[in-house]
């Protein structure tokens, strides 16, 4: 999935540790084989090849995640959208060959994006693209889903553990990690600076930011967190730049998708969306005209505030 998964286990002997590690990483690889659009044999790749020609029957697991993702698109005003495959491809983030596309290429890619044109039929369990050239990209949710699936394995084995997927998706099982192991939210401008520290409890944490995949042209930062509506949304105002968004949610699937959406929306627009997710908390690191600042909604030890 283009990231490093780290599993921390609590009080197991070496033989059982190895068995648990194997079971967990087998599950993560299974999720990748199913949902990666870069593997020609994956179910998502098969859907991308065929769903523009008519309805494609898929398996229950894939259909349910697509249903969930489409529902999340509606609740986030379209800021989260798994139909951005063509858009990420034209910007070169998919192949790590980042470049500003031509206006014609960008226009064509944007025309192929739109969650409302992803048709799902629950009765027949089919997927169909109603726009030509549409392509699914579950990069903003599949990693979180993999963390959830891995955590289910750990729960079934009655093992206390924490899963860290590239430091951007973190979840834990058992009191040792969730109640006593603080998670640090670092400043995107300096990893040595701590912005916040939280305990997971029964929640998952996800962080979305420009640090890992971005480039700068003419003083403007372009990142892999592309706006499905207009490739780089002018968040809140042209003077505000969101650097990082962190979300606490009941599971990693929701935390991943919501952190992406709230990054694109910014604090003010994000505040309205967060009303639909009363069980979640959000934390933004931003850069404004007067310098860097943080904003939060229901964030632990921080009064809700937007700038």
C-alpha atoms as a PDB file:
ATOM      1  CA  UNK A   1       0.000   0.000   0.000  1.00  0.00           C
ATOM      2  CA  UNK A   2       2.990   2.256  -0.402  1.00  0.00           C
ATOM      3  CA  UNK A   3       3.549   2.514   3.345  1.00  0.00           C
ATOM      4  CA  UNK A   4       5.193   0.728   6.252  1.00  0.00           C
ATOM      5  CA  UNK A   5       2.934  -1.190   8.648  1.00  0.00           C
ATOM      6  CA  UNK A   6       4.311  -1.612  12.168  1.00  0.00           C
ATOM      7  CA  UNK A   7       2.669  -3.893  14.731  1.00  0.00           C
ATOM      8  CA  UNK A   8       3.367  -3.540  18.457  1.00  0.00           C
ATOM      9  CA  UNK A   9       2.401  -6.555  20.585  1.00  0.00           C
ATOM     10  CA  UNK A  10       2.058  -6.737  24.355  1.00  0.00           C
ATOM     11  CA  UNK A  11       3.370  -9.578  26.520  1.00  0.00           C
ATOM     12  CA  UNK A  12       3.598 -12.508  24.106  1.00  0.00           C
ATOM     13  CA  UNK A  13       6.246 -15.205  23.918  1.00  0.00           C
ATOM     14  CA  UNK A  14       8.375 -15.315  20.786  1.00  0.00           C
ATOM     15  CA  UNK A  15       6.634 -18.297  19.187  1.00  0.00           C
ATOM     16  CA  UNK A  16       3.197 -16.727  19.521  1.00  0.00           C
ATOM     17  CA  UNK A  17       4.502 -13.352  18.386  1.00  0.00           C
ATOM     18  CA  UNK A  18       5.654 -14.844  15.087  1.00  0.00           C
ATOM     19  CA  UNK A  19       2.291 -16.555  14.527  1.00  0.00           C
ATOM     20  CA  UNK A  20       0.390 -13.352  15.282  1.00  0.00           C
ATOM     21  CA  UNK A  21       2.630 -11.263  13.026  1.00  0.00           C
ATOM     22  CA  UNK A  22       2.100 -13.746  10.193  1.00  0.00           C
ATOM     23  CA  UNK A  23      -1.687 -13.720  10.583  1.00  0.00           C
ATOM     24  CA  UNK A  24      -1.845  -9.918  10.685  1.00  0.00           C
ATOM     25  CA  UNK A  25       0.437  -9.277   7.724  1.00  0.00           C
ATOM     26  CA  UNK A  26      -1.332 -11.967   5.698  1.00  0.00           C
ATOM     27  CA  UNK A  27      -4.562 -10.057   6.251  1.00  0.00           C
ATOM     28  CA  UNK A  28      -3.023  -6.733   5.247  1.00  0.00           C
ATOM     29  CA  UNK A  29      -1.669  -8.310   2.061  1.00  0.00           C
ATOM     30  CA  UNK A  30      -5.093  -9.809   1.323  1.00  0.00           C
ATOM     31  CA  UNK A  31      -6.679  -6.360   1.555  1.00  0.00           C
ATOM     32  CA  UNK A  32      -4.021  -4.929  -0.750  1.00  0.00           C
ATOM     33  CA  UNK A  33      -4.532  -7.707  -3.300  1.00  0.00           C
ATOM     34  CA  UNK A  34      -8.246  -6.879  -3.307  1.00  0.00           C
ATOM     35  CA  UNK A  35      -8.311  -3.080  -3.267  1.00  0.00           C
ATOM     36  CA  UNK A  36      -5.100  -1.850  -4.933  1.00  0.00           C
ATOM     37  CA  UNK A  37      -5.775  -0.363  -8.346  1.00  0.00           C
ATOM     38  CA  UNK A  38      -2.124  -0.923  -9.250  1.00  0.00           C
ATOM     39  CA  UNK A  39      -2.373  -4.719  -9.167  1.00  0.00           C
ATOM     40  CA  UNK A  40      -3.950  -5.947 -12.433  1.00  0.00           C
ATOM     41  CA  UNK A  41      -5.386  -8.984 -10.645  1.00  0.00           C
ATOM     42  CA  UNK A  42      -7.173  -6.967  -7.923  1.00  0.00           C
ATOM     43  CA  UNK A  43     -10.935  -6.608  -7.818  1.00  0.00           C
ATOM     44  CA  UNK A  44     -10.675  -2.818  -8.027  1.00  0.00           C
ATOM     45  CA  UNK A  45      -8.505  -3.071 -11.153  1.00  0.00           C
ATOM     46  CA  UNK A  46     -11.085  -5.412 -12.706  1.00  0.00           C
ATOM     47  CA  UNK A  47     -13.866  -2.960 -11.910  1.00  0.00           C
ATOM     48  CA  UNK A  48     -11.859  -0.072 -13.371  1.00  0.00           C
ATOM     49  CA  UNK A  49     -11.393  -2.028 -16.605  1.00  0.00           C
ATOM     50  CA  UNK A  50     -15.029  -3.057 -17.030  1.00  0.00           C
ATOM     51  CA  UNK A  51     -17.473  -0.867 -15.114  1.00  0.00           C
ATOM     52  CA  UNK A  52     -17.504   1.814 -17.808  1.00  0.00           C
ATOM     53  CA  UNK A  53     -19.021  -0.715 -20.208  1.00  0.00           C
ATOM     54  CA  UNK A  54     -21.891  -1.758 -17.965  1.00  0.00           C
ATOM     55  CA  UNK A  55     -22.710  -3.164 -14.514  1.00  0.00           C
ATOM     56  CA  UNK A  56     -20.014  -5.366 -12.957  1.00  0.00           C
ATOM     57  CA  UNK A  57     -20.893  -7.859 -10.235  1.00  0.00           C
ATOM     58  CA  UNK A  58     -18.461  -7.774  -7.333  1.00  0.00           C
ATOM     59  CA  UNK A  59     -18.061  -9.626  -4.049  1.00  0.00           C
ATOM     60  CA  UNK A  60     -19.806  -8.512  -0.809  1.00  0.00           C
ATOM     61  CA  UNK A  61     -16.689  -7.123   0.869  1.00  0.00           C
ATOM     62  CA  UNK A  62     -15.786  -4.842  -2.037  1.00  0.00           C
ATOM     63  CA  UNK A  63     -19.376  -3.757  -2.597  1.00  0.00           C
ATOM     64  CA  UNK A  64     -19.857  -2.841   1.071  1.00  0.00           C
ATOM     65  CA  UNK A  65     -16.697  -0.711   1.134  1.00  0.00           C
ATOM     66  CA  UNK A  66     -17.747   1.070  -2.070  1.00  0.00           C
ATOM     67  CA  UNK A  67     -21.177   1.700  -0.537  1.00  0.00           C
ATOM     68  CA  UNK A  68     -19.555   3.068   2.588  1.00  0.00           C
ATOM     69  CA  UNK A  69     -17.238   5.311   0.563  1.00  0.00           C
ATOM     70  CA  UNK A  70     -20.078   6.723  -1.519  1.00  0.00           C
ATOM     71  CA  UNK A  71     -22.117   7.465   1.601  1.00  0.00           C
ATOM     72  CA  UNK A  72     -19.084   9.243   3.085  1.00  0.00           C
ATOM     73  CA  UNK A  73     -18.818  11.340  -0.091  1.00  0.00           C
ATOM     74  CA  UNK A  74     -22.347  12.578   0.442  1.00  0.00           C
ATOM     75  CA  UNK A  75     -21.740  13.389   4.101  1.00  0.00           C
ATOM     76  CA  UNK A  76     -18.540  15.327   3.307  1.00  0.00           C
ATOM     77  CA  UNK A  77     -20.057  17.408   0.498  1.00  0.00           C
ATOM     78  CA  UNK A  78     -18.039  15.435  -2.048  1.00  0.00           C
ATOM     79  CA  UNK A  79     -14.643  16.330  -0.545  1.00  0.00           C
ATOM     80  CA  UNK A  80     -14.004  12.605  -0.110  1.00  0.00           C
ATOM     81  CA  UNK A  81     -14.359  10.883  -3.480  1.00  0.00           C
ATOM     82  CA  UNK A  82     -12.986   7.496  -4.586  1.00  0.00           C
ATOM     83  CA  UNK A  83     -13.602   8.281  -8.293  1.00  0.00           C
ATOM     84  CA  UNK A  84     -10.472  10.490  -8.507  1.00  0.00           C
ATOM     85  CA  UNK A  85      -8.317   7.807 -10.150  1.00  0.00           C
ATOM     86  CA  UNK A  86      -7.846   9.745 -13.389  1.00  0.00           C
ATOM     87  CA  UNK A  87      -7.051  12.908 -11.469  1.00  0.00           C
ATOM     88  CA  UNK A  88      -4.286  11.351  -9.351  1.00  0.00           C
ATOM     89  CA  UNK A  89      -2.900   9.728 -12.483  1.00  0.00           C
ATOM     90  CA  UNK A  90      -2.709  12.957 -14.499  1.00  0.00           C
ATOM     91  CA  UNK A  91      -0.930  14.754 -11.652  1.00  0.00           C
ATOM     92  CA  UNK A  92       1.589  11.920 -11.504  1.00  0.00           C
ATOM     93  CA  UNK A  93       1.170  11.199  -7.802  1.00  0.00           C
ATOM     94  CA  UNK A  94       0.240   7.590  -8.503  1.00  0.00           C
ATOM     95  CA  UNK A  95       3.563   6.872 -10.206  1.00  0.00           C
ATOM     96  CA  UNK A  96       5.627   9.298  -8.075  1.00  0.00           C
ATOM     97  CA  UNK A  97       6.256  11.402 -11.215  1.00  0.00           C
ATOM     98  CA  UNK A  98       4.708  14.605  -9.952  1.00  0.00           C
ATOM     99  CA  UNK A  99       4.144  17.430 -12.429  1.00  0.00           C
ATOM    100  CA  UNK A 100       1.563  20.079 -13.221  1.00  0.00           C
ATOM    101  CA  UNK A 101      -0.569  18.663 -16.053  1.00  0.00           C
ATOM    102  CA  UNK A 102      -1.557  20.586 -19.128  1.00  0.00           C
ATOM    103  CA  UNK A 103      -4.897  22.367 -18.991  1.00  0.00           C
ATOM    104  CA  UNK A 104      -6.363  19.937 -21.558  1.00  0.00           C
ATOM    105  CA  UNK A 105      -5.211  16.867 -19.619  1.00  0.00           C
ATOM    106  CA  UNK A 106      -6.500  18.320 -16.359  1.00  0.00           C
ATOM    107  CA  UNK A 107      -9.863  19.201 -17.865  1.00  0.00           C
ATOM    108  CA  UNK A 108     -10.270  15.683 -19.253  1.00  0.00           C
ATOM    109  CA  UNK A 109      -9.348  14.112 -15.902  1.00  0.00           C
ATOM    110  CA  UNK A 110     -11.719  16.350 -13.955  1.00  0.00           C
ATOM    111  CA  UNK A 111     -14.521  15.435 -16.361  1.00  0.00           C
ATOM    112  CA  UNK A 112     -14.063  11.768 -15.373  1.00  0.00           C
ATOM    113  CA  UNK A 113     -14.512  12.433 -11.630  1.00  0.00           C
ATOM    114  CA  UNK A 114     -17.772  12.399  -9.704  1.00  0.00           C
ATOM    115  CA  UNK A 115     -19.003  10.183  -6.865  1.00  0.00           C
ATOM    116  CA  UNK A 116     -22.628  10.739  -7.881  1.00  0.00           C
ATOM    117  CA  UNK A 117     -21.834   8.954 -11.158  1.00  0.00           C
ATOM    118  CA  UNK A 118     -20.715   5.809  -9.360  1.00  0.00           C
ATOM    119  CA  UNK A 119     -23.827   3.624  -9.560  1.00  0.00           C
ATOM    120  CA  UNK A 120     -24.173   0.841  -7.010  1.00  0.00           C
ATOM    121  CA  UNK A 121     -27.031  -1.663  -7.134  1.00  0.00           C
ATOM    122  CA  UNK A 122     -27.388  -3.409  -3.775  1.00  0.00           C
ATOM    123  CA  UNK A 123     -29.910  -5.948  -5.078  1.00  0.00           C
ATOM    124  CA  UNK A 124     -27.532  -7.285  -7.733  1.00  0.00           C
ATOM    125  CA  UNK A 125     -24.317  -6.152  -6.043  1.00  0.00           C
ATOM    126  CA  UNK A 126     -23.138  -4.377  -9.177  1.00  0.00           C
ATOM    127  CA  UNK A 127     -20.873  -1.418  -9.855  1.00  0.00           C
ATOM    128  CA  UNK A 128     -21.211   0.821 -12.895  1.00  0.00           C
ATOM    129  CA  UNK A 129     -19.533   4.032 -14.058  1.00  0.00           C
ATOM    130  CA  UNK A 130     -21.965   6.534 -15.566  1.00  0.00           C
ATOM    131  CA  UNK A 131     -19.194   8.841 -16.787  1.00  0.00           C
ATOM    132  CA  UNK A 132     -16.668   7.832 -19.452  1.00  0.00           C
ATOM    133  CA  UNK A 133     -13.121   7.362 -18.218  1.00  0.00           C
ATOM    134  CA  UNK A 134     -13.992   7.022 -14.546  1.00  0.00           C
ATOM    135  CA  UNK A 135     -11.483   5.194 -12.367  1.00  0.00           C
ATOM    136  CA  UNK A 136     -11.644   4.200  -8.714  1.00  0.00           C
ATOM    137  CA  UNK A 137      -8.811   5.041  -6.327  1.00  0.00           C
ATOM    138  CA  UNK A 138      -9.350   3.847  -2.748  1.00  0.00           C
ATOM    139  CA  UNK A 139      -6.033   5.192  -1.504  1.00  0.00           C
ATOM    140  CA  UNK A 140      -7.758   7.484   0.987  1.00  0.00           C
ATOM    141  CA  UNK A 141      -9.652   4.675   2.704  1.00  0.00           C
ATOM    142  CA  UNK A 142      -8.151   1.246   1.892  1.00  0.00           C
ATOM    143  CA  UNK A 143      -5.221   1.696   4.281  1.00  0.00           C
ATOM    144  CA  UNK A 144      -7.583   2.468   7.127  1.00  0.00           C
ATOM    145  CA  UNK A 145      -9.745  -0.477   6.155  1.00  0.00           C
ATOM    146  CA  UNK A 146      -6.664  -2.720   6.224  1.00  0.00           C
ATOM    147  CA  UNK A 147      -5.879  -1.491   9.747  1.00  0.00           C
ATOM    148  CA  UNK A 148      -9.446  -2.317  10.812  1.00  0.00           C
ATOM    149  CA  UNK A 149      -9.236  -5.809   9.305  1.00  0.00           C
ATOM    150  CA  UNK A 150      -5.893  -6.446  10.966  1.00  0.00           C
ATOM    151  CA  UNK A 151      -7.270  -5.259  14.291  1.00  0.00           C
ATOM    152  CA  UNK A 152     -10.180  -7.681  13.908  1.00  0.00           C
ATOM    153  CA  UNK A 153      -7.645 -10.505  13.590  1.00  0.00           C
ATOM    154  CA  UNK A 154      -5.897  -9.342  16.750  1.00  0.00           C
ATOM    155  CA  UNK A 155      -9.176  -9.160  18.650  1.00  0.00           C
ATOM    156  CA  UNK A 156     -10.086 -12.678  17.555  1.00  0.00           C
ATOM    157  CA  UNK A 157      -6.739 -13.852  18.939  1.00  0.00           C
ATOM    158  CA  UNK A 158      -7.256 -11.906  22.193  1.00  0.00           C
ATOM    159  CA  UNK A 159      -3.987 -10.060  21.633  1.00  0.00           C
ATOM    160  CA  UNK A 160      -3.320  -6.525  22.857  1.00  0.00           C
ATOM    161  CA  UNK A 161      -1.635  -4.619  20.063  1.00  0.00           C
ATOM    162  CA  UNK A 162      -1.221  -1.329  18.249  1.00  0.00           C
ATOM    163  CA  UNK A 163      -1.029  -0.946  14.470  1.00  0.00           C
ATOM    164  CA  UNK A 164       0.791   1.990  12.920  1.00  0.00           C
ATOM    165  CA  UNK A 165       0.442   2.367   9.154  1.00  0.00           C
ATOM    166  CA  UNK A 166       3.050   4.885   8.115  1.00  0.00           C
ATOM    167  CA  UNK A 167       2.325   7.043  11.194  1.00  0.00           C
ATOM    168  CA  UNK A 168      -0.787   8.275   9.399  1.00  0.00           C
ATOM    169  CA  UNK A 169      -3.274   5.547  10.452  1.00  0.00           C
ATOM    170  CA  UNK A 170      -3.020   4.264  14.009  1.00  0.00           C
ATOM    171  CA  UNK A 171      -5.359   2.036  16.014  1.00  0.00           C
ATOM    172  CA  UNK A 172      -5.031  -0.151  19.102  1.00  0.00           C
ATOM    173  CA  UNK A 173      -6.659  -3.100  20.798  1.00  0.00           C
ATOM    174  CA  UNK A 174      -6.536  -3.513  24.587  1.00  0.00           C
ATOM    175  CA  UNK A 175      -5.939  -1.131  27.478  1.00  0.00           C
ATOM    176  CA  UNK A 176      -2.134  -1.246  27.420  1.00  0.00           C
ATOM    177  CA  UNK A 177      -1.890   0.667  24.133  1.00  0.00           C
ATOM    178  CA  UNK A 178      -5.242   2.455  23.925  1.00  0.00           C
ATOM    179  CA  UNK A 179      -5.359   3.751  27.519  1.00  0.00           C
ATOM    180  CA  UNK A 180      -1.716   4.255  28.483  1.00  0.00           C
ATOM    181  CA  UNK A 181       0.263   4.775  25.243  1.00  0.00           C
ATOM    182  CA  UNK A 182       0.028   8.438  24.120  1.00  0.00           C
ATOM    183  CA  UNK A 183       0.065   9.204  20.398  1.00  0.00           C
ATOM    184  CA  UNK A 184       1.954  12.322  19.342  1.00  0.00           C
ATOM    185  CA  UNK A 185       0.754  14.673  16.618  1.00  0.00           C
ATOM    186  CA  UNK A 186       3.864  16.377  15.253  1.00  0.00           C
ATOM    187  CA  UNK A 187       4.107  19.774  13.618  1.00  0.00           C
ATOM    188  CA  UNK A 188       4.180  19.226   9.807  1.00  0.00           C
ATOM    189  CA  UNK A 189       6.846  21.923   9.562  1.00  0.00           C
ATOM    190  CA  UNK A 190       9.113  20.281  12.139  1.00  0.00           C
ATOM    191  CA  UNK A 191       8.908  16.686  13.335  1.00  0.00           C
ATOM    192  CA  UNK A 192      10.659  17.720  16.573  1.00  0.00           C
ATOM    193  CA  UNK A 193       7.781  20.007  17.563  1.00  0.00           C
ATOM    194  CA  UNK A 194       4.780  18.403  19.285  1.00  0.00           C
ATOM    195  CA  UNK A 195       1.375  19.912  18.518  1.00  0.00           C
ATOM    196  CA  UNK A 196      -0.769  17.528  20.528  1.00  0.00           C
ATOM    197  CA  UNK A 197      -0.696  14.271  22.446  1.00  0.00           C
ATOM    198  CA  UNK A 198      -3.715  11.996  22.810  1.00  0.00           C
ATOM    199  CA  UNK A 199      -4.731   8.574  24.054  1.00  0.00           C
ATOM    200  CA  UNK A 200      -6.600   6.507  21.494  1.00  0.00           C
ATOM    201  CA  UNK A 201      -9.100   4.902  23.842  1.00  0.00           C
ATOM    202  CA  UNK A 202     -11.612   3.079  21.650  1.00  0.00           C
ATOM    203  CA  UNK A 203     -10.825   5.250  18.636  1.00  0.00           C
ATOM    204  CA  UNK A 204      -8.549   5.253  15.623  1.00  0.00           C
ATOM    205  CA  UNK A 205      -6.362   8.157  14.523  1.00  0.00           C
ATOM    206  CA  UNK A 206      -5.608   9.286  10.983  1.00  0.00           C
ATOM    207  CA  UNK A 207      -3.467  12.168   9.731  1.00  0.00           C
ATOM    208  CA  UNK A 208      -3.541  13.685   6.247  1.00  0.00           C
ATOM    209  CA  UNK A 209      -0.967  16.246   5.164  1.00  0.00           C
ATOM    210  CA  UNK A 210       1.223  17.660   2.425  1.00  0.00           C
ATOM    211  CA  UNK A 211       4.531  16.587   3.928  1.00  0.00           C
ATOM    212  CA  UNK A 212       4.973  13.176   2.275  1.00  0.00           C
ATOM    213  CA  UNK A 213       3.674  13.734  -1.264  1.00  0.00           C
ATOM    214  CA  UNK A 214       3.840  17.313  -2.480  1.00  0.00           C
ATOM    215  CA  UNK A 215       5.847  19.691  -4.616  1.00  0.00           C
ATOM    216  CA  UNK A 216       6.081  23.467  -4.936  1.00  0.00           C
ATOM    217  CA  UNK A 217       5.837  25.557  -8.096  1.00  0.00           C
ATOM    218  CA  UNK A 218       5.898  29.371  -8.119  1.00  0.00           C
ATOM    219  CA  UNK A 219       5.363  29.481  -4.376  1.00  0.00           C
ATOM    220  CA  UNK A 220       2.305  27.252  -4.406  1.00  0.00           C
ATOM    221  CA  UNK A 221       2.192  23.812  -2.795  1.00  0.00           C
ATOM    222  CA  UNK A 222       0.560  20.985  -4.786  1.00  0.00           C
ATOM    223  CA  UNK A 223      -0.186  17.758  -2.931  1.00  0.00           C
ATOM    224  CA  UNK A 224      -1.590  14.284  -3.566  1.00  0.00           C
ATOM    225  CA  UNK A 225      -4.675  15.356  -1.590  1.00  0.00           C
ATOM    226  CA  UNK A 226      -6.488  16.531  -4.675  1.00  0.00           C
ATOM    227  CA  UNK A 227      -9.852  18.192  -4.558  1.00  0.00           C
ATOM    228  CA  UNK A 228     -12.339  16.135  -6.601  1.00  0.00           C
ATOM    229  CA  UNK A 229     -14.334  19.271  -7.389  1.00  0.00           C
ATOM    230  CA  UNK A 230     -11.570  21.533  -8.642  1.00  0.00           C
ATOM    231  CA  UNK A 231      -8.162  19.836  -8.341  1.00  0.00           C
ATOM    232  CA  UNK A 232      -6.921  22.251  -5.628  1.00  0.00           C
ATOM    233  CA  UNK A 233      -9.771  23.869  -3.667  1.00  0.00           C
ATOM    234  CA  UNK A 234      -9.207  27.362  -2.379  1.00  0.00           C
ATOM    235  CA  UNK A 235      -9.767  26.427   1.251  1.00  0.00           C
ATOM    236  CA  UNK A 236     -11.548  29.056   3.396  1.00  0.00           C
ATOM    237  CA  UNK A 237      -9.520  31.879   1.761  1.00  0.00           C
ATOM    238  CA  UNK A 238      -6.511  32.339  -0.466  1.00  0.00           C
ATOM    239  CA  UNK A 239      -4.541  33.390   2.624  1.00  0.00           C
ATOM    240  CA  UNK A 240      -5.110  30.082   4.433  1.00  0.00           C
ATOM    241  CA  UNK A 241      -3.161  26.918   3.750  1.00  0.00           C
ATOM    242  CA  UNK A 242      -4.036  23.695   5.574  1.00  0.00           C
ATOM    243  CA  UNK A 243      -0.814  21.820   6.293  1.00  0.00           C
ATOM    244  CA  UNK A 244      -2.199  18.832   8.156  1.00  0.00           C
ATOM    245  CA  UNK A 245      -5.442  17.383   9.482  1.00  0.00           C
ATOM    246  CA  UNK A 246      -5.764  14.730  12.171  1.00  0.00           C
ATOM    247  CA  UNK A 247      -8.976  12.891  13.033  1.00  0.00           C
ATOM    248  CA  UNK A 248     -10.050  10.612  15.875  1.00  0.00           C
ATOM    249  CA  UNK A 249     -12.911   8.309  14.871  1.00  0.00           C
ATOM    250  CA  UNK A 250     -14.480   5.005  15.982  1.00  0.00           C
ATOM    251  CA  UNK A 251     -12.555   3.084  13.286  1.00  0.00           C
ATOM    252  CA  UNK A 252      -9.679   3.632  10.876  1.00  0.00           C
ATOM    253  CA  UNK A 253     -11.859   3.432   7.789  1.00  0.00           C
ATOM    254  CA  UNK A 254     -13.792   6.513   8.881  1.00  0.00           C
ATOM    255  CA  UNK A 255     -10.740   8.277  10.308  1.00  0.00           C
ATOM    256  CA  UNK A 256      -8.859   7.925   6.995  1.00  0.00           C
ATOM    257  CA  UNK A 257     -11.678   9.121   4.782  1.00  0.00           C
ATOM    258  CA  UNK A 258     -12.679  11.968   7.060  1.00  0.00           C
ATOM    259  CA  UNK A 259      -9.134  13.299   7.546  1.00  0.00           C
ATOM    260  CA  UNK A 260      -8.774  13.547   3.760  1.00  0.00           C
ATOM    261  CA  UNK A 261     -12.082  15.375   3.397  1.00  0.00           C
ATOM    262  CA  UNK A 262     -11.416  17.785   6.269  1.00  0.00           C
ATOM    263  CA  UNK A 263      -7.958  18.578   4.906  1.00  0.00           C
ATOM    264  CA  UNK A 264      -9.561  19.745   1.661  1.00  0.00           C
ATOM    265  CA  UNK A 265     -12.420  21.577   3.348  1.00  0.00           C
ATOM    266  CA  UNK A 266     -10.377  23.450   5.953  1.00  0.00           C
ATOM    267  CA  UNK A 267     -11.560  24.361   9.449  1.00  0.00           C
ATOM    268  CA  UNK A 268     -14.533  26.543   8.608  1.00  0.00           C
ATOM    269  CA  UNK A 269     -16.130  24.328   5.989  1.00  0.00           C
ATOM    270  CA  UNK A 270     -15.074  21.315   8.004  1.00  0.00           C
ATOM    271  CA  UNK A 271     -16.965  22.522  11.053  1.00  0.00           C
ATOM    272  CA  UNK A 272     -20.301  22.062   9.254  1.00  0.00           C
ATOM    273  CA  UNK A 273     -19.333  18.577   8.068  1.00  0.00           C
ATOM    274  CA  UNK A 274     -18.242  17.576  11.565  1.00  0.00           C
ATOM    275  CA  UNK A 275     -21.788  18.150  12.810  1.00  0.00           C
ATOM    276  CA  UNK A 276     -22.647  14.914  10.960  1.00  0.00           C
ATOM    277  CA  UNK A 277     -19.945  13.038  12.897  1.00  0.00           C
ATOM    278  CA  UNK A 278     -20.562  13.753  16.592  1.00  0.00           C
ATOM    279  CA  UNK A 279     -18.459  10.743  17.586  1.00  0.00           C
ATOM    280  CA  UNK A 280     -15.349  12.166  15.851  1.00  0.00           C
ATOM    281  CA  UNK A 281     -12.762  14.829  16.708  1.00  0.00           C
ATOM    282  CA  UNK A 282     -10.659  16.910  14.325  1.00  0.00           C
ATOM    283  CA  UNK A 283      -7.435  18.915  14.583  1.00  0.00           C
ATOM    284  CA  UNK A 284      -5.991  21.194  11.889  1.00  0.00           C
ATOM    285  CA  UNK A 285      -2.499  22.658  11.533  1.00  0.00           C
ATOM    286  CA  UNK A 286      -2.740  25.702   9.269  1.00  0.00           C
ATOM    287  CA  UNK A 287      -0.708  28.580   7.919  1.00  0.00           C
ATOM    288  CA  UNK A 288      -2.382  31.956   7.674  1.00  0.00           C
ATOM    289  CA  UNK A 289      -1.495  35.535   6.942  1.00  0.00           C
ATOM    290  CA  UNK A 290      -0.371  36.074  10.543  1.00  0.00           C
ATOM    291  CA  UNK A 291       1.528  32.815  10.878  1.00  0.00           C
ATOM    292  CA  UNK A 292       0.888  29.196  11.806  1.00  0.00           C
ATOM    293  CA  UNK A 293      -2.048  28.235  14.010  1.00  0.00           C
ATOM    294  CA  UNK A 294      -4.101  25.214  15.069  1.00  0.00           C
ATOM    295  CA  UNK A 295      -7.850  24.686  15.115  1.00  0.00           C
ATOM    296  CA  UNK A 296      -9.866  21.871  16.600  1.00  0.00           C
ATOM    297  CA  UNK A 297     -13.340  20.463  16.950  1.00  0.00           C
ATOM    298  CA  UNK A 298     -13.987  18.279  20.012  1.00  0.00           C
ATOM    299  CA  UNK A 299     -10.234  17.669  20.179  1.00  0.00           C
ATOM    300  CA  UNK A 300      -9.059  16.270  23.537  1.00  0.00           C
ATOM    301  CA  UNK A 301      -7.796  18.972  25.950  1.00  0.00           C
ATOM    302  CA  UNK A 302      -8.627  21.668  23.427  1.00  0.00           C
ATOM    303  CA  UNK A 303     -11.755  23.785  23.244  1.00  0.00           C
ATOM    304  CA  UNK A 304     -13.476  23.584  19.863  1.00  0.00           C
ATOM    305  CA  UNK A 305     -12.301  26.516  17.788  1.00  0.00           C
ATOM    306  CA  UNK A 306     -11.924  27.465  14.162  1.00  0.00           C
ATOM    307  CA  UNK A 307      -9.910  30.308  12.761  1.00  0.00           C
END
